[in-house]
Every structure is written in C-alpha cells, then in structure tokens.
Protein backbone atom coordinates (compact mmCIF):
# COMPACT_ATOMS: atom_id res chain seq x y z
CA MET A 1 14.85 9.44 9.43
CA ILE A 2 13.96 12.25 6.83
CA LYS A 3 14.13 15.51 8.74
CA LYS A 4 14.42 17.86 5.85
CA CYS A 5 11.71 19.10 3.47
CA LEU A 6 12.27 21.27 0.36
CA PHE A 7 9.86 23.78 -0.84
CA PRO A 8 10.48 25.01 -4.34
CA ALA A 9 8.54 28.57 -4.05
CA ALA A 10 10.12 30.84 -6.64
CA GLY A 11 7.68 30.63 -9.42
CA TYR A 12 5.58 33.13 -10.61
CA GLY A 13 2.15 31.87 -10.52
CA THR A 14 1.22 33.33 -13.97
CA ARG A 15 -2.06 31.32 -14.13
CA PHE A 16 -3.65 33.33 -11.17
CA LEU A 17 -2.51 36.81 -12.29
CA PRO A 18 -3.24 39.63 -11.34
CA ALA A 19 -3.71 38.02 -8.06
CA THR A 20 -0.12 36.83 -7.97
CA LYS A 21 1.40 40.22 -9.23
CA ALA A 22 2.02 41.04 -5.58
CA ILE A 23 0.88 37.91 -3.59
CA PRO A 24 3.14 34.76 -3.87
CA LYS A 25 0.98 32.11 -5.35
CA GLU A 26 2.22 29.89 -2.13
CA MET A 27 0.21 32.12 -0.29
CA LEU A 28 -3.32 32.06 -1.58
CA PRO A 29 -5.70 30.78 1.18
CA ILE A 30 -7.54 27.94 0.94
CA VAL A 31 -10.29 28.66 3.55
CA ASN A 32 -8.16 30.11 6.47
CA LYS A 33 -4.77 29.08 5.74
CA PRO A 34 -2.27 29.75 2.99
CA LEU A 35 -1.29 26.85 0.55
CA ILE A 36 2.22 26.36 1.74
CA GLN A 37 1.18 26.01 5.44
CA TYR A 38 -0.78 22.93 4.52
CA GLY A 39 2.38 21.36 2.89
CA VAL A 40 4.77 22.32 6.02
CA GLU A 41 1.92 20.76 8.34
CA GLU A 42 2.01 17.49 6.04
CA ALA A 43 5.91 17.47 6.10
CA ILE A 44 5.71 17.90 9.79
CA GLU A 45 3.26 14.90 9.98
CA ALA A 46 6.03 12.74 8.30
CA GLY A 47 8.42 13.35 10.89
CA MET A 48 10.31 16.64 9.23
CA ASP A 49 11.18 19.42 11.34
CA THR A 50 13.38 21.70 8.95
CA MET A 51 11.68 23.34 5.80
CA ALA A 52 13.89 24.59 3.54
CA ILE A 53 12.28 27.25 1.13
CA VAL A 54 13.62 28.08 -2.36
CA THR A 55 12.12 31.59 -2.78
CA GLY A 56 12.56 34.53 -5.11
CA ARG A 57 11.92 38.26 -5.74
CA GLY A 58 8.76 39.19 -4.64
CA LYS A 59 8.03 36.38 -1.88
CA ARG A 60 8.88 38.05 1.29
CA ALA A 61 5.42 37.08 2.51
CA ILE A 62 6.45 33.42 2.89
CA GLU A 63 9.24 34.56 5.38
CA ASP A 64 6.71 36.98 7.17
CA HIS A 65 3.99 34.15 7.45
CA PHE A 66 6.50 31.71 9.11
CA ASP A 67 7.73 34.44 11.87
CA ILE A 68 6.43 36.27 14.72
CA SER A 69 4.38 39.59 14.27
CA TYR A 70 4.55 41.49 17.16
CA GLU A 71 2.16 43.77 16.56
CA LEU A 72 -0.60 41.45 15.47
CA GLU A 73 0.26 39.34 18.57
CA HIS A 74 -0.22 42.36 21.00
CA GLN A 75 -3.34 43.58 19.10
CA ILE A 76 -5.11 40.36 19.72
CA LYS A 77 -3.76 39.12 22.82
CA GLY A 78 -6.56 38.47 25.28
CA THR A 79 -9.10 38.50 22.80
CA SER A 80 -11.65 36.14 21.28
CA LYS A 81 -9.13 36.06 18.19
CA GLU A 82 -6.14 34.97 19.92
CA TYR A 83 -6.93 31.01 19.13
CA LEU A 84 -6.49 31.87 15.70
CA LEU A 85 -2.86 32.10 15.77
CA LYS A 86 -2.26 28.98 17.68
CA ASP A 87 -1.36 26.76 14.95
CA ILE A 88 0.89 29.11 13.05
CA ARG A 89 2.51 30.06 16.31
CA ASN A 90 3.47 26.31 16.99
CA LEU A 91 5.13 26.11 13.89
CA VAL A 92 7.24 29.25 14.05
CA GLU A 93 8.15 28.33 17.74
CA ASN A 94 8.98 24.48 17.30
CA TYR A 95 10.26 24.24 13.75
CA THR A 96 13.07 25.56 11.50
CA PHE A 97 12.41 27.70 8.59
CA ALA A 98 15.45 28.32 6.01
CA TYR A 99 15.68 30.14 2.97
CA THR A 100 17.60 30.75 -0.25
CA ARG A 101 16.96 32.59 -3.41
CA GLN A 102 16.59 31.01 -7.08
CA LYS A 103 17.49 34.13 -9.00
CA GLU A 104 16.39 32.91 -12.35
CA MET A 105 13.32 30.64 -13.15
CA LYS A 106 15.22 27.60 -14.94
CA GLY A 107 12.45 24.76 -14.04
CA LEU A 108 11.88 22.62 -10.90
CA GLY A 109 15.07 20.64 -11.41
CA HIS A 110 17.20 24.03 -11.09
CA ALA A 111 15.08 25.07 -8.05
CA VAL A 112 15.79 21.75 -6.31
CA LEU A 113 19.67 22.00 -7.12
CA VAL A 114 19.65 25.60 -5.65
CA GLY A 115 18.07 24.01 -2.31
CA GLU A 116 21.25 21.85 -2.11
CA THR A 117 22.91 24.33 0.11
CA LEU A 118 19.95 24.15 2.71
CA ILE A 119 19.74 20.01 2.60
CA GLY A 120 23.32 18.82 2.47
CA ASN A 121 23.86 15.25 1.95
CA GLU A 122 20.95 13.70 3.27
CA PRO A 123 17.57 12.17 1.75
CA PHE A 124 14.88 14.84 2.06
CA GLY A 125 11.03 15.45 1.07
CA VAL A 126 10.02 17.78 -1.81
CA VAL A 127 6.56 19.37 -1.54
CA LEU A 128 5.29 21.58 -4.41
CA ALA A 129 2.80 23.55 -2.35
CA ASP A 130 0.12 24.15 -5.14
CA ASP A 131 -0.49 20.30 -5.34
CA LEU A 132 -2.61 20.56 -2.10
CA CYS A 133 -2.92 16.52 -0.94
CA GLU A 134 -5.22 15.25 1.45
CA GLY A 135 -4.07 11.76 2.58
CA GLU A 136 -6.23 8.54 3.10
CA GLY A 137 -5.40 7.72 6.81
CA LYS A 138 -2.13 9.61 7.07
CA GLY A 139 -0.44 12.30 4.90
CA VAL A 140 0.90 11.60 1.27
CA LEU A 141 4.35 12.34 2.63
CA ALA A 142 3.90 10.00 5.59
CA GLN A 143 3.07 7.36 3.52
CA MET A 144 6.15 7.94 1.17
CA VAL A 145 8.47 7.86 4.28
CA GLU A 146 7.00 4.62 5.39
CA LEU A 147 7.98 3.36 1.88
CA PHE A 148 11.66 4.86 2.04
CA THR A 149 12.32 2.92 5.12
CA LYS A 150 11.77 -0.22 3.20
CA TYR A 151 13.13 0.85 -0.22
CA ARG A 152 15.89 3.45 0.67
CA THR A 153 15.68 5.23 -2.79
CA SER A 154 14.19 8.01 -4.53
CA ILE A 155 10.38 7.77 -4.43
CA VAL A 156 7.85 9.85 -6.52
CA ALA A 157 4.18 10.00 -5.90
CA VAL A 158 1.80 9.41 -9.14
CA MET A 159 -1.92 9.08 -9.47
CA GLU A 160 -3.87 8.04 -12.37
CA VAL A 161 -4.98 10.84 -14.96
CA GLU A 162 -7.23 10.81 -17.94
CA LYS A 163 -5.65 10.78 -21.50
CA GLU A 164 -6.49 14.20 -22.49
CA ASN A 165 -4.76 15.58 -19.57
CA ILE A 166 -1.34 13.65 -19.78
CA SER A 167 0.77 16.07 -21.16
CA LYS A 168 0.56 18.28 -18.47
CA TYR A 169 2.73 16.14 -16.40
CA GLY A 170 5.83 13.95 -15.88
CA VAL A 171 4.55 10.14 -16.77
CA ILE A 172 6.47 7.01 -15.67
CA SER A 173 6.56 3.65 -16.82
CA GLY A 174 7.65 0.71 -15.01
CA LYS A 175 6.62 -2.47 -13.22
CA GLU A 176 4.45 -2.97 -10.11
CA ILE A 177 6.50 -4.72 -7.53
CA GLU A 178 3.76 -4.42 -5.01
CA GLU A 179 0.23 -3.01 -4.81
CA GLY A 180 0.52 0.56 -5.85
CA VAL A 181 4.32 0.29 -5.79
CA TYR A 182 6.16 0.54 -8.90
CA MET A 183 9.77 0.10 -10.14
CA VAL A 184 10.65 3.06 -12.36
CA SER A 185 12.10 2.00 -15.84
CA ASP A 186 11.56 5.38 -17.52
CA MET A 187 9.95 8.88 -17.38
CA VAL A 188 8.64 11.34 -19.80
CA GLU A 189 8.35 14.75 -19.07
CA LYS A 190 5.00 16.22 -20.73
CA PRO A 191 4.39 13.70 -23.41
CA SER A 192 1.83 13.65 -26.19
CA ILE A 193 -1.18 11.30 -25.59
CA ASP A 194 0.72 8.76 -28.11
CA GLU A 195 4.08 9.12 -26.44
CA ALA A 196 2.84 8.52 -23.15
CA PRO A 197 4.10 5.24 -21.57
CA SER A 198 1.25 4.94 -19.06
CA ASN A 199 -1.42 6.80 -17.40
CA LEU A 200 0.52 7.41 -13.95
CA ALA A 201 1.35 10.72 -13.86
CA VAL A 202 3.83 12.39 -11.30
CA ILE A 203 2.38 15.07 -8.79
CA GLY A 204 4.09 17.24 -6.35
CA ARG A 205 5.55 14.94 -3.68
CA TYR A 206 8.83 13.36 -3.68
CA ILE A 207 11.28 11.96 -1.66
CA LEU A 208 14.91 12.34 -3.08
CA THR A 209 18.44 10.68 -2.23
CA PRO A 210 21.17 13.40 -2.04
CA ASP A 211 22.87 12.20 -5.29
CA ILE A 212 20.26 13.98 -7.18
CA PHE A 213 22.11 17.27 -6.76
CA GLU A 214 25.24 15.84 -8.60
CA ILE A 215 22.96 14.55 -11.27
CA LEU A 216 21.26 17.85 -11.77
CA GLN A 217 24.33 19.76 -12.02
CA ASP A 218 24.93 17.55 -15.33
CA ILE A 219 21.63 18.06 -16.54
CA LYS A 220 20.89 19.93 -20.05
CA PRO A 221 17.79 22.04 -20.37
CA GLY A 222 14.82 19.57 -21.34
CA ALA A 223 11.16 20.20 -22.04
CA GLY A 224 10.57 24.05 -22.23
CA GLY A 225 14.29 24.87 -22.28
CA GLU A 226 13.98 24.30 -18.43
CA ILE A 227 16.22 22.12 -16.35
CA GLN A 228 13.68 19.10 -15.78
CA LEU A 229 13.46 17.11 -12.39
CA THR A 230 12.03 14.27 -14.44
CA ASP A 231 15.25 14.10 -16.61
CA ALA A 232 17.49 13.58 -13.48
CA LEU A 233 15.20 10.87 -12.18
CA ARG A 234 15.23 8.95 -15.43
CA VAL A 235 19.19 9.11 -14.84
CA GLN A 236 18.71 7.64 -10.77
CA ALA A 237 16.19 4.74 -12.56
CA LYS A 238 18.74 3.62 -15.07
CA ASN A 239 21.83 4.02 -12.45
CA ASN A 240 20.07 2.86 -9.32
CA MET A 241 16.08 2.50 -8.61
CA VAL A 242 13.41 5.08 -8.36
CA ILE A 243 10.06 3.90 -6.93
CA ALA A 244 6.56 5.45 -7.94
CA TYR A 245 4.00 5.24 -5.40
CA LYS A 246 0.19 5.36 -6.24
CA PHE A 247 -0.60 7.15 -2.98
CA ARG A 248 -3.76 6.83 -0.89
CA GLY A 249 -5.72 10.08 -0.77
CA GLU A 250 -6.86 13.30 -2.64
CA ARG A 251 -4.97 15.51 -4.80
CA PHE A 252 -6.05 19.54 -5.79
CA ASP A 253 -4.02 21.21 -8.46
CA CYS A 254 -4.27 24.74 -7.01
CA GLY A 255 -2.17 25.86 -9.63
CA SER A 256 -5.45 26.00 -11.72
CA VAL A 257 -8.37 28.07 -11.25
CA GLU A 258 -10.50 24.85 -11.25
CA GLY A 259 -8.28 22.66 -8.84
CA TYR A 260 -8.11 25.91 -6.44
CA VAL A 261 -12.04 26.19 -6.39
CA ALA A 262 -12.26 22.41 -5.88
CA ALA A 263 -9.84 22.42 -2.91
CA THR A 264 -11.41 25.55 -1.29
CA ASN A 265 -14.89 23.75 -1.41
CA TYR A 266 -13.67 20.51 -0.14
CA PHE A 267 -11.55 22.29 3.10
CA TYR A 268 -14.50 24.38 3.62
CA GLN A 269 -16.41 21.42 4.06
CA LYS A 270 -13.92 20.03 6.49
CA PHE A 271 -13.51 23.25 8.21
CA THR A 272 -17.38 23.76 9.05
CA GLN A 273 -17.60 20.38 10.32
CA LYS A 274 -15.21 20.88 13.30
C-alpha cells in the first residue's frame, strides 16, 4: 500500500567532523554496512520498493553505493569475497532509487518538501538514516505500516526519553487510544524541560500523508530558523489527525558519537553470532 520511502540525506553531519568532511554521514559504516543501507532494508521489509533520496553537495557516494560497480564486480568475481556483494546487488537489481538535491539546508521540513517531486500524491515513509532502529519482531517501519492500514493518517514514531535529553527532540502531547498509540493534540520542537508536554520524543521514522506537502509550503521558519516538520505535523494534528506510536525495539542515535559506538557494538554482536 505504501510503496515509497523518503530519505532526507543532505545534512552535513557536523557532529562527526572531520570524518564527514568528504564522507556523507549516511555512509558511515556500522560493522560492514553504511547507515543508509540499514534504513533501505527496513523500508523494503515494510513493503516499500522505491527509495526517494534527498541529497546535497558532496553526497555522490550514496548514489555510487546503490549502483553497479563493474570494476569491483570484475575484480572479485569467482573469489571467496564475491558473496560480500550479494545483499547490495539484490538492492540495486530489484529496487528503484531516485534522487533530488536540496540546494540549501533549511531544515527537515524543507527536505521533505524538496522530496515531493519524487513522491507525488501518495502516502509515504520517511527514514532518517542516522536514527538506526532494530525492531522487535519486525522493523519499526513495518510496525507503522500495520498501524497505517487501521488509521490511514500520518504517524510518528516516539520513544520515552530522560528529562535532561528532552530538548534535543520534538515532543508530543496526546491521548492514548490503545496501548502504545496516541492521538496527538500538540507537538513542540526542542522544548525546555519545563515546556515539554510529555517525555515522548519523536524519532526518525514517519509515515506521512501527501497533504503534508501543501502544509509545508505555508510553514514559516521555526526553531533554529528552519522549516520544521514538527510544525507541519501540528497543523495536520489540528486539521485532521496524527498518530504517535511507541514502537517496539531499539533505537540508536548514530548522529552522536556515543550512539554510533553503541550501535556498532550491538550490531557487531549480532554479526558475530551469525
């Protein structure tokens, strides 16, 4: 039902400088795969077959990764290392990757709006690749797609966070309508501890209905002088309905060094147990 997934991938990754001076943060490896590949595989598990990627200057490595490398294929063909390309070859051959550029960094809301040309008039997933998620039983996006079949409205993934970290996130307030599912009444981007309406913070997984694009066109710059997706979702919540879903699983903030190291250790353990 939801066939397209949008990946905003134009950010500079300044928290990982100087590593991200020449390498897109989405291409930083967790064990043997770049961050964005984990996100793509999560989207595929959720039934999506078209990856719409919003890039920027210096991000060509993402396009090259999801493409055939004839020289490399030739070099390792018939060797003991050929199997290492099996997974990425499957992605390249069986799924569609489309790209557009965000010429200026004006916030997540602007990045989503730039992706409209790739999405069109249909509901779609959004994955922020530096939020690496490991779903319980099934991927986080697959859990959200199941919920979308019931509510047919925009959905944001949320998790409980400690008070001292609340100012790093968009935070929701709302009424729990079933276990782990909330009807959003309001959202605040990066509130102070005193202003936070709850401890439920939005993380980098969304399912959005296409009317979000029209709303984003009219949104004025908000927190940080950027066009915030949170502000557009507030409008949706007041005009229609937005659902917040407390997902089952683990989430690693790989935009931070601490989260990146934790994710590497976690997935290394999984890798060595295969």
